[in-house]
Amino acid sequence: MKFINTAILFAIVTFNASADVLSVHCPLGCPSNQTNNDLVFGHLYAFSNNPQTKFADWVSYEVDVVNFGDTPGRKWAVDPLLGETETLEASDYKGASSSALQADRGHQAPLASFAGSRHWSELNYLSNITPQDKDLNQGPWKNLEVAVRNAVSFRKSLFVITGPIYETDMTSMPGADEEHQVPSAYFKVVYDKSGKTAAFIMQQSAGRNDDYCQTTTSLKQVNASVGFELPQRLKHSTEINSRLGC
């Protein structure tokens, strides 16, 4: 396991095998990091990059009003902290939106939640992007991200852990020239500093008009669907669902 850190203050890492990995991006502990994954701490989010799938297993970030602003745009870039063979390249997404996959370049940590930060360009690194079905990305997934932003206020932020799920085989991206694995679904875990949590799983086959509230699930189900462990201090609470409009 490798640790990559853009700012020492963003992570407190101990090398006891049973110790938590702590960061401002995951204050109750980060999810576990699989062997051979890169554990990366950026200015705005942390993530565990899987060089086999070419996508992050999980991305963790804080949604705080101080980072809100007008969307500055999209300029895709290779993550300078990772090797060029560890993620896909912008050209690998060519033709994906018009293929059977019908995939957008989907942000895991959403650009709109950090548009006011001077580090906003890091959201467009390919390490933060996955192929996400158009209807999912522009429908319930986007609506849940909006609900999270609407649920925060000054000194009342929320934290998110999100990432892909691989339960069924999916069509590969037609323009990709290297091995990769397209997710069949995505999860999102939303929590506050006390550990109160809401969890969601959405399939790539989701309809554009689907209600994200109908995709709520348990932390146990998320843990069973991914290859790592979520922080143990997270506890399901209807309070967070209510804050998100569910």
C-alpha atoms as a PDB file:
ATOM      1  CA  MET A   1       0.000   0.000   0.000  1.00  0.00           C
ATOM      2  CA  LYS A   2       1.358   3.423  -0.941  1.00  0.00           C
ATOM      3  CA  PHE A   3       0.500   6.750   0.663  1.00  0.00           C
ATOM      4  CA  ILE A   4       0.574   9.912  -1.433  1.00  0.00           C
ATOM      5  CA  ASN A   5       0.073  13.250   0.305  1.00  0.00           C
ATOM      6  CA  THR A   6      -0.156  16.742  -1.156  1.00  0.00           C
ATOM      7  CA  ALA A   7      -0.204  18.403   2.267  1.00  0.00           C
ATOM      8  CA  ILE A   8       1.075  16.879   5.501  1.00  0.00           C
ATOM      9  CA  LEU A   9      -1.651  18.598   7.506  1.00  0.00           C
ATOM     10  CA  PHE A  10      -4.311  16.793   5.506  1.00  0.00           C
ATOM     11  CA  ALA A  11      -3.509  13.377   6.881  1.00  0.00           C
ATOM     12  CA  ILE A  12      -2.403  11.749  10.099  1.00  0.00           C
ATOM     13  CA  VAL A  13      -1.109   8.340   9.114  1.00  0.00           C
ATOM     14  CA  THR A  14       0.157   5.770  11.561  1.00  0.00           C
ATOM     15  CA  PHE A  15       1.730   2.514  10.532  1.00  0.00           C
ATOM     16  CA  ASN A  16       0.156   0.253  13.100  1.00  0.00           C
ATOM     17  CA  ALA A  17      -1.841  -2.249  11.048  1.00  0.00           C
ATOM     18  CA  SER A  18      -4.908  -1.827  13.273  1.00  0.00           C
ATOM     19  CA  ALA A  19      -4.836   1.980  13.450  1.00  0.00           C
ATOM     20  CA  ASP A  20      -7.260   4.305  11.683  1.00  0.00           C
ATOM     21  CA  VAL A  21      -6.173   6.460   8.772  1.00  0.00           C
ATOM     22  CA  LEU A  22      -7.488   9.929   9.570  1.00  0.00           C
ATOM     23  CA  SER A  23      -7.923  12.968   7.347  1.00  0.00           C
ATOM     24  CA  VAL A  24      -9.958  16.160   7.228  1.00  0.00           C
ATOM     25  CA  HIS A  25     -11.710  14.483   4.301  1.00  0.00           C
ATOM     26  CA  CYS A  26     -12.796  11.495   6.437  1.00  0.00           C
ATOM     27  CA  PRO A  27     -12.729  12.684  10.084  1.00  0.00           C
ATOM     28  CA  LEU A  28     -14.205   9.474  11.539  1.00  0.00           C
ATOM     29  CA  GLY A  29     -11.617   7.373   9.735  1.00  0.00           C
ATOM     30  CA  CYS A  30     -11.091   6.637   6.068  1.00  0.00           C
ATOM     31  CA  PRO A  31     -12.327   3.404   4.507  1.00  0.00           C
ATOM     32  CA  SER A  32      -9.764   0.616   4.356  1.00  0.00           C
ATOM     33  CA  ASN A  33      -7.251   0.651   1.521  1.00  0.00           C
ATOM     34  CA  GLN A  34      -6.736  -2.491  -0.528  1.00  0.00           C
ATOM     35  CA  THR A  35      -3.269  -3.910  -1.107  1.00  0.00           C
ATOM     36  CA  ASN A  36      -1.576  -2.332  -4.152  1.00  0.00           C
ATOM     37  CA  ASN A  37      -3.970   0.625  -4.172  1.00  0.00           C
ATOM     38  CA  ASP A  38      -2.599   4.163  -3.969  1.00  0.00           C
ATOM     39  CA  LEU A  39      -3.990   6.113  -1.006  1.00  0.00           C
ATOM     40  CA  VAL A  40      -4.023   9.761  -2.073  1.00  0.00           C
ATOM     41  CA  PHE A  41      -4.752  12.881  -0.012  1.00  0.00           C
ATOM     42  CA  GLY A  42      -5.459  15.971  -2.101  1.00  0.00           C
ATOM     43  CA  HIS A  43      -6.515  19.465  -1.126  1.00  0.00           C
ATOM     44  CA  LEU A  44     -10.237  18.745  -1.471  1.00  0.00           C
ATOM     45  CA  TYR A  45     -10.688  14.984  -1.273  1.00  0.00           C
ATOM     46  CA  ALA A  46      -8.984  11.696  -0.456  1.00  0.00           C
ATOM     47  CA  PHE A  47      -9.245   8.529  -2.511  1.00  0.00           C
ATOM     48  CA  SER A  48      -8.026   4.960  -2.913  1.00  0.00           C
ATOM     49  CA  ASN A  49      -6.978   4.405  -6.509  1.00  0.00           C
ATOM     50  CA  ASN A  50      -7.243   0.873  -7.893  1.00  0.00           C
ATOM     51  CA  PRO A  51      -4.694   0.298 -10.697  1.00  0.00           C
ATOM     52  CA  GLN A  52      -6.558  -2.828 -11.838  1.00  0.00           C
ATOM     53  CA  THR A  53      -9.970  -1.270 -12.483  1.00  0.00           C
ATOM     54  CA  LYS A  54      -8.319   2.137 -13.291  1.00  0.00           C
ATOM     55  CA  PHE A  55     -10.810   3.874 -11.001  1.00  0.00           C
ATOM     56  CA  ALA A  56     -10.902   4.962  -7.365  1.00  0.00           C
ATOM     57  CA  ASP A  57     -12.455   2.345  -5.072  1.00  0.00           C
ATOM     58  CA  TRP A  58     -13.671   5.196  -2.881  1.00  0.00           C
ATOM     59  CA  VAL A  59     -13.498   8.978  -2.681  1.00  0.00           C
ATOM     60  CA  SER A  60     -14.046  10.872   0.569  1.00  0.00           C
ATOM     61  CA  TYR A  61     -14.729  14.591   0.940  1.00  0.00           C
ATOM     62  CA  GLU A  62     -16.409  17.310   3.013  1.00  0.00           C
ATOM     63  CA  VAL A  63     -19.305  19.353   1.647  1.00  0.00           C
ATOM     64  CA  ASP A  64     -18.939  22.833   3.140  1.00  0.00           C
ATOM     65  CA  VAL A  65     -20.545  26.096   2.029  1.00  0.00           C
ATOM     66  CA  VAL A  66     -17.149  27.821   2.023  1.00  0.00           C
ATOM     67  CA  ASN A  67     -16.275  25.883  -1.161  1.00  0.00           C
ATOM     68  CA  PHE A  68     -19.434  26.721  -3.098  1.00  0.00           C
ATOM     69  CA  GLY A  69     -19.321  28.942  -6.161  1.00  0.00           C
ATOM     70  CA  ASP A  70     -20.032  29.206  -9.871  1.00  0.00           C
ATOM     71  CA  THR A  71     -18.974  26.137 -11.839  1.00  0.00           C
ATOM     72  CA  PRO A  72     -15.667  27.073 -13.503  1.00  0.00           C
ATOM     73  CA  GLY A  73     -15.750  24.455 -16.264  1.00  0.00           C
ATOM     74  CA  ARG A  74     -14.155  21.151 -17.178  1.00  0.00           C
ATOM     75  CA  LYS A  75     -10.589  20.676 -18.307  1.00  0.00           C
ATOM     76  CA  TRP A  76      -9.648  17.020 -17.933  1.00  0.00           C
ATOM     77  CA  ALA A  77      -6.138  16.314 -16.697  1.00  0.00           C
ATOM     78  CA  VAL A  78      -3.994  13.377 -15.623  1.00  0.00           C
ATOM     79  CA  ASP A  79      -3.488  13.240 -11.868  1.00  0.00           C
ATOM     80  CA  PRO A  80       0.139  14.366 -11.333  1.00  0.00           C
ATOM     81  CA  LEU A  81       0.432  12.157  -8.244  1.00  0.00           C
ATOM     82  CA  LEU A  82      -0.275   8.912 -10.114  1.00  0.00           C
ATOM     83  CA  GLY A  83       1.491   7.031 -12.862  1.00  0.00           C
ATOM     84  CA  GLU A  84       0.018   7.272 -16.342  1.00  0.00           C
ATOM     85  CA  THR A  85      -0.895   3.565 -16.325  1.00  0.00           C
ATOM     86  CA  GLU A  86      -2.854   3.736 -13.052  1.00  0.00           C
ATOM     87  CA  THR A  87      -5.912   5.605 -14.367  1.00  0.00           C
ATOM     88  CA  LEU A  88      -7.561   6.019 -17.728  1.00  0.00           C
ATOM     89  CA  GLU A  89      -6.757   8.961 -20.006  1.00  0.00           C
ATOM     90  CA  ALA A  90      -9.191  11.516 -21.404  1.00  0.00           C
ATOM     91  CA  SER A  91      -8.964   9.876 -24.846  1.00  0.00           C
ATOM     92  CA  ASP A  92     -10.153   6.565 -23.352  1.00  0.00           C
ATOM     93  CA  TYR A  93     -13.608   8.126 -22.917  1.00  0.00           C
ATOM     94  CA  LYS A  94     -13.914   8.928 -26.623  1.00  0.00           C
ATOM     95  CA  GLY A  95     -17.163   7.568 -28.026  1.00  0.00           C
ATOM     96  CA  ALA A  96     -18.419   6.282 -24.666  1.00  0.00           C
ATOM     97  CA  SER A  97     -21.424   8.601 -24.536  1.00  0.00           C
ATOM     98  CA  SER A  98     -22.729   7.475 -27.945  1.00  0.00           C
ATOM     99  CA  SER A  99     -21.935   3.772 -27.482  1.00  0.00           C
ATOM    100  CA  ALA A 100     -24.015   1.036 -25.869  1.00  0.00           C
ATOM    101  CA  LEU A 101     -22.501   2.163 -22.559  1.00  0.00           C
ATOM    102  CA  GLN A 102     -23.944   5.708 -22.930  1.00  0.00           C
ATOM    103  CA  ALA A 103     -21.500   6.955 -20.313  1.00  0.00           C
ATOM    104  CA  ASP A 104     -20.679  10.467 -19.147  1.00  0.00           C
ATOM    105  CA  ARG A 105     -17.416  11.375 -17.491  1.00  0.00           C
ATOM    106  CA  GLY A 106     -18.856  11.213 -13.987  1.00  0.00           C
ATOM    107  CA  HIS A 107     -17.167  13.042 -11.116  1.00  0.00           C
ATOM    108  CA  GLN A 108     -16.988  11.055  -7.888  1.00  0.00           C
ATOM    109  CA  ALA A 109     -16.287  14.169  -5.826  1.00  0.00           C
ATOM    110  CA  PRO A 110     -18.624  16.623  -7.609  1.00  0.00           C
ATOM    111  CA  LEU A 111     -17.136  19.747  -9.172  1.00  0.00           C
ATOM    112  CA  ALA A 112     -20.170  21.820  -8.156  1.00  0.00           C
ATOM    113  CA  SER A 113     -19.402  21.254  -4.465  1.00  0.00           C
ATOM    114  CA  PHE A 114     -15.943  22.823  -4.828  1.00  0.00           C
ATOM    115  CA  ALA A 115     -16.376  25.420  -7.571  1.00  0.00           C
ATOM    116  CA  GLY A 116     -15.479  28.235  -5.183  1.00  0.00           C
ATOM    117  CA  SER A 117     -12.199  26.689  -4.051  1.00  0.00           C
ATOM    118  CA  ARG A 118      -8.910  27.772  -5.587  1.00  0.00           C
ATOM    119  CA  HIS A 119      -8.122  24.047  -5.932  1.00  0.00           C
ATOM    120  CA  TRP A 120     -11.228  23.333  -8.031  1.00  0.00           C
ATOM    121  CA  SER A 121      -9.173  22.065 -10.986  1.00  0.00           C
ATOM    122  CA  GLU A 122      -8.215  18.950  -8.981  1.00  0.00           C
ATOM    123  CA  LEU A 123     -11.821  17.765  -9.349  1.00  0.00           C
ATOM    124  CA  ASN A 124     -11.179  17.291 -13.083  1.00  0.00           C
ATOM    125  CA  TYR A 125      -8.274  14.887 -12.602  1.00  0.00           C
ATOM    126  CA  LEU A 126      -9.058  11.594 -14.336  1.00  0.00           C
ATOM    127  CA  SER A 127      -8.486   9.830 -10.995  1.00  0.00           C
ATOM    128  CA  ASN A 128     -11.765  11.430  -9.835  1.00  0.00           C
ATOM    129  CA  ILE A 129     -13.694  10.391 -12.960  1.00  0.00           C
ATOM    130  CA  THR A 130     -15.576   7.184 -13.789  1.00  0.00           C
ATOM    131  CA  PRO A 131     -17.842   6.164 -16.706  1.00  0.00           C
ATOM    132  CA  GLN A 132     -21.355   6.810 -15.429  1.00  0.00           C
ATOM    133  CA  ASP A 133     -24.535   6.222 -17.423  1.00  0.00           C
ATOM    134  CA  LYS A 134     -25.981   9.503 -18.735  1.00  0.00           C
ATOM    135  CA  ASP A 135     -29.384   9.055 -17.119  1.00  0.00           C
ATOM    136  CA  LEU A 136     -27.869   8.167 -13.759  1.00  0.00           C
ATOM    137  CA  ASN A 137     -25.281  10.947 -13.840  1.00  0.00           C
ATOM    138  CA  GLN A 138     -27.702  13.647 -14.960  1.00  0.00           C
ATOM    139  CA  GLY A 139     -30.651  12.325 -12.981  1.00  0.00           C
ATOM    140  CA  PRO A 140     -30.838  10.816  -9.468  1.00  0.00           C
ATOM    141  CA  TRP A 141     -27.074  10.925  -8.859  1.00  0.00           C
ATOM    142  CA  LYS A 142     -26.913  14.644  -9.614  1.00  0.00           C
ATOM    143  CA  ASN A 143     -30.085  15.263  -7.605  1.00  0.00           C
ATOM    144  CA  LEU A 144     -28.591  13.564  -4.551  1.00  0.00           C
ATOM    145  CA  GLU A 145     -25.449  15.693  -4.860  1.00  0.00           C
ATOM    146  CA  VAL A 146     -27.662  18.793  -4.990  1.00  0.00           C
ATOM    147  CA  ALA A 147     -29.582  17.574  -1.931  1.00  0.00           C
ATOM    148  CA  VAL A 148     -26.324  17.195   0.004  1.00  0.00           C
ATOM    149  CA  ARG A 149     -25.320  20.768  -0.863  1.00  0.00           C
ATOM    150  CA  ASN A 150     -28.766  22.042   0.115  1.00  0.00           C
ATOM    151  CA  ALA A 151     -28.505  20.226   3.463  1.00  0.00           C
ATOM    152  CA  VAL A 152     -25.365  22.022   4.643  1.00  0.00           C
ATOM    153  CA  SER A 153     -24.976  25.460   6.172  1.00  0.00           C
ATOM    154  CA  PHE A 154     -22.287  27.475   7.944  1.00  0.00           C
ATOM    155  CA  ARG A 155     -20.494  25.218  10.439  1.00  0.00           C
ATOM    156  CA  LYS A 156     -22.951  22.432   9.648  1.00  0.00           C
ATOM    157  CA  SER A 157     -21.179  20.542   6.883  1.00  0.00           C
ATOM    158  CA  LEU A 158     -21.649  16.943   5.783  1.00  0.00           C
ATOM    159  CA  PHE A 159     -19.109  14.331   4.728  1.00  0.00           C
ATOM    160  CA  VAL A 160     -19.397  11.886   1.856  1.00  0.00           C
ATOM    161  CA  ILE A 161     -17.783   8.586   0.901  1.00  0.00           C
ATOM    162  CA  THR A 162     -18.641   7.465  -2.616  1.00  0.00           C
ATOM    163  CA  GLY A 163     -17.431   4.995  -5.187  1.00  0.00           C
ATOM    164  CA  PRO A 164     -18.147   2.240  -7.697  1.00  0.00           C
ATOM    165  CA  ILE A 165     -19.624  -1.217  -7.249  1.00  0.00           C
ATOM    166  CA  TYR A 166     -18.763  -4.172  -9.507  1.00  0.00           C
ATOM    167  CA  GLU A 167     -21.475  -6.811  -9.236  1.00  0.00           C
ATOM    168  CA  THR A 168     -22.259  -7.572 -12.885  1.00  0.00           C
ATOM    169  CA  ASP A 169     -20.203  -7.452 -16.064  1.00  0.00           C
ATOM    170  CA  MET A 170     -20.526  -4.229 -18.025  1.00  0.00           C
ATOM    171  CA  THR A 171     -19.665  -3.173 -21.562  1.00  0.00           C
ATOM    172  CA  SER A 172     -16.151  -1.760 -21.823  1.00  0.00           C
ATOM    173  CA  MET A 173     -15.546   1.729 -23.130  1.00  0.00           C
ATOM    174  CA  PRO A 174     -15.016   1.504 -26.903  1.00  0.00           C
ATOM    175  CA  GLY A 175     -12.211   4.068 -27.044  1.00  0.00           C
ATOM    176  CA  ALA A 176     -10.109   2.691 -24.195  1.00  0.00           C
ATOM    177  CA  ASP A 177      -6.803   1.101 -25.184  1.00  0.00           C
ATOM    178  CA  GLU A 178      -6.051  -0.514 -21.823  1.00  0.00           C
ATOM    179  CA  GLU A 179      -7.733  -2.993 -19.509  1.00  0.00           C
ATOM    180  CA  HIS A 180     -10.343  -1.499 -17.194  1.00  0.00           C
ATOM    181  CA  GLN A 181     -13.554  -2.497 -15.431  1.00  0.00           C
ATOM    182  CA  VAL A 182     -16.721  -0.443 -15.796  1.00  0.00           C
ATOM    183  CA  PRO A 183     -18.828  -0.237 -12.594  1.00  0.00           C
ATOM    184  CA  SER A 184     -22.323  -1.688 -12.566  1.00  0.00           C
ATOM    185  CA  ALA A 185     -23.502   0.573  -9.741  1.00  0.00           C
ATOM    186  CA  TYR A 186     -22.384   3.302  -7.344  1.00  0.00           C
ATOM    187  CA  PHE A 187     -22.736   3.936  -3.636  1.00  0.00           C
ATOM    188  CA  LYS A 188     -22.831   7.133  -1.641  1.00  0.00           C
ATOM    189  CA  VAL A 189     -22.573   7.387   2.149  1.00  0.00           C
ATOM    190  CA  VAL A 190     -23.441  10.767   3.703  1.00  0.00           C
ATOM    191  CA  TYR A 191     -22.680  11.505   7.353  1.00  0.00           C
ATOM    192  CA  ASP A 192     -22.027  14.203   9.932  1.00  0.00           C
ATOM    193  CA  LYS A 193     -19.228  14.473  12.495  1.00  0.00           C
ATOM    194  CA  SER A 194     -21.249  12.546  15.076  1.00  0.00           C
ATOM    195  CA  GLY A 195     -21.415   9.549  12.747  1.00  0.00           C
ATOM    196  CA  LYS A 196     -25.097   9.839  11.837  1.00  0.00           C
ATOM    197  CA  THR A 197     -25.305   8.364   8.351  1.00  0.00           C
ATOM    198  CA  ALA A 198     -27.485   7.795   5.300  1.00  0.00           C
ATOM    199  CA  ALA A 199     -26.487   5.350   2.560  1.00  0.00           C
ATOM    200  CA  PHE A 200     -27.517   4.968  -1.086  1.00  0.00           C
ATOM    201  CA  ILE A 201     -26.814   2.522  -3.926  1.00  0.00           C
ATOM    202  CA  MET A 202     -27.760   3.393  -7.507  1.00  0.00           C
ATOM    203  CA  GLN A 203     -27.512   1.097 -10.507  1.00  0.00           C
ATOM    204  CA  GLN A 204     -26.044   2.169 -13.835  1.00  0.00           C
ATOM    205  CA  SER A 205     -29.454   1.272 -15.293  1.00  0.00           C
ATOM    206  CA  ALA A 206     -31.225   3.933 -13.214  1.00  0.00           C
ATOM    207  CA  GLY A 207     -33.739   6.141 -15.007  1.00  0.00           C
ATOM    208  CA  ARG A 208     -33.212   9.888 -15.328  1.00  0.00           C
ATOM    209  CA  ASN A 209     -36.406  10.607 -13.381  1.00  0.00           C
ATOM    210  CA  ASP A 210     -35.814   8.050 -10.625  1.00  0.00           C
ATOM    211  CA  ASP A 211     -36.145   9.290  -7.048  1.00  0.00           C
ATOM    212  CA  TYR A 212     -32.819   9.047  -5.212  1.00  0.00           C
ATOM    213  CA  CYS A 213     -34.701   8.570  -1.944  1.00  0.00           C
ATOM    214  CA  GLN A 214     -35.891   5.208  -3.271  1.00  0.00           C
ATOM    215  CA  THR A 215     -32.258   4.028  -3.431  1.00  0.00           C
ATOM    216  CA  THR A 216     -31.553   4.276   0.296  1.00  0.00           C
ATOM    217  CA  THR A 217     -29.867   1.224   1.747  1.00  0.00           C
ATOM    218  CA  SER A 218     -27.992   0.045   4.836  1.00  0.00           C
ATOM    219  CA  LEU A 219     -24.322   0.413   5.701  1.00  0.00           C
ATOM    220  CA  LYS A 220     -24.255  -3.378   5.947  1.00  0.00           C
ATOM    221  CA  GLN A 221     -25.363  -3.657   2.322  1.00  0.00           C
ATOM    222  CA  VAL A 222     -22.748  -1.154   1.152  1.00  0.00           C
ATOM    223  CA  ASN A 223     -20.029  -3.075   2.999  1.00  0.00           C
ATOM    224  CA  ALA A 224     -21.228  -6.300   1.379  1.00  0.00           C
ATOM    225  CA  SER A 225     -21.110  -4.729  -2.095  1.00  0.00           C
ATOM    226  CA  VAL A 226     -17.570  -3.306  -1.995  1.00  0.00           C
ATOM    227  CA  GLY A 227     -14.117  -4.793  -1.419  1.00  0.00           C
ATOM    228  CA  PHE A 228     -13.183  -2.685   1.602  1.00  0.00           C
ATOM    229  CA  GLU A 229     -14.510  -1.698   5.022  1.00  0.00           C
ATOM    230  CA  LEU A 230     -16.290   1.548   5.791  1.00  0.00           C
ATOM    231  CA  PRO A 231     -15.386   3.440   8.997  1.00  0.00           C
ATOM    232  CA  GLN A 232     -16.831   1.607  11.985  1.00  0.00           C
ATOM    233  CA  ARG A 233     -18.045   4.764  13.687  1.00  0.00           C
ATOM    234  CA  LEU A 234     -20.720   5.361  11.046  1.00  0.00           C
ATOM    235  CA  LYS A 235     -24.247   4.589  12.261  1.00  0.00           C
ATOM    236  CA  HIS A 236     -27.444   4.741  10.227  1.00  0.00           C
ATOM    237  CA  SER A 237     -29.732   7.621  11.235  1.00  0.00           C
ATOM    238  CA  THR A 238     -33.036   8.787   9.779  1.00  0.00           C
ATOM    239  CA  GLU A 239     -31.936  12.316  10.707  1.00  0.00           C
ATOM    240  CA  ILE A 240     -29.522  12.466   7.775  1.00  0.00           C
ATOM    241  CA  ASN A 241     -32.145  11.043   5.412  1.00  0.00           C
ATOM    242  CA  SER A 242     -34.486  13.824   6.533  1.00  0.00           C
ATOM    243  CA  ARG A 243     -31.845  16.480   5.922  1.00  0.00           C
ATOM    244  CA  LEU A 244     -31.521  15.093   2.388  1.00  0.00           C
ATOM    245  CA  GLY A 245     -35.261  15.319   1.784  1.00  0.00           C
ATOM    246  CA  CYS A 246     -36.032  11.622   2.189  1.00  0.00           C
END
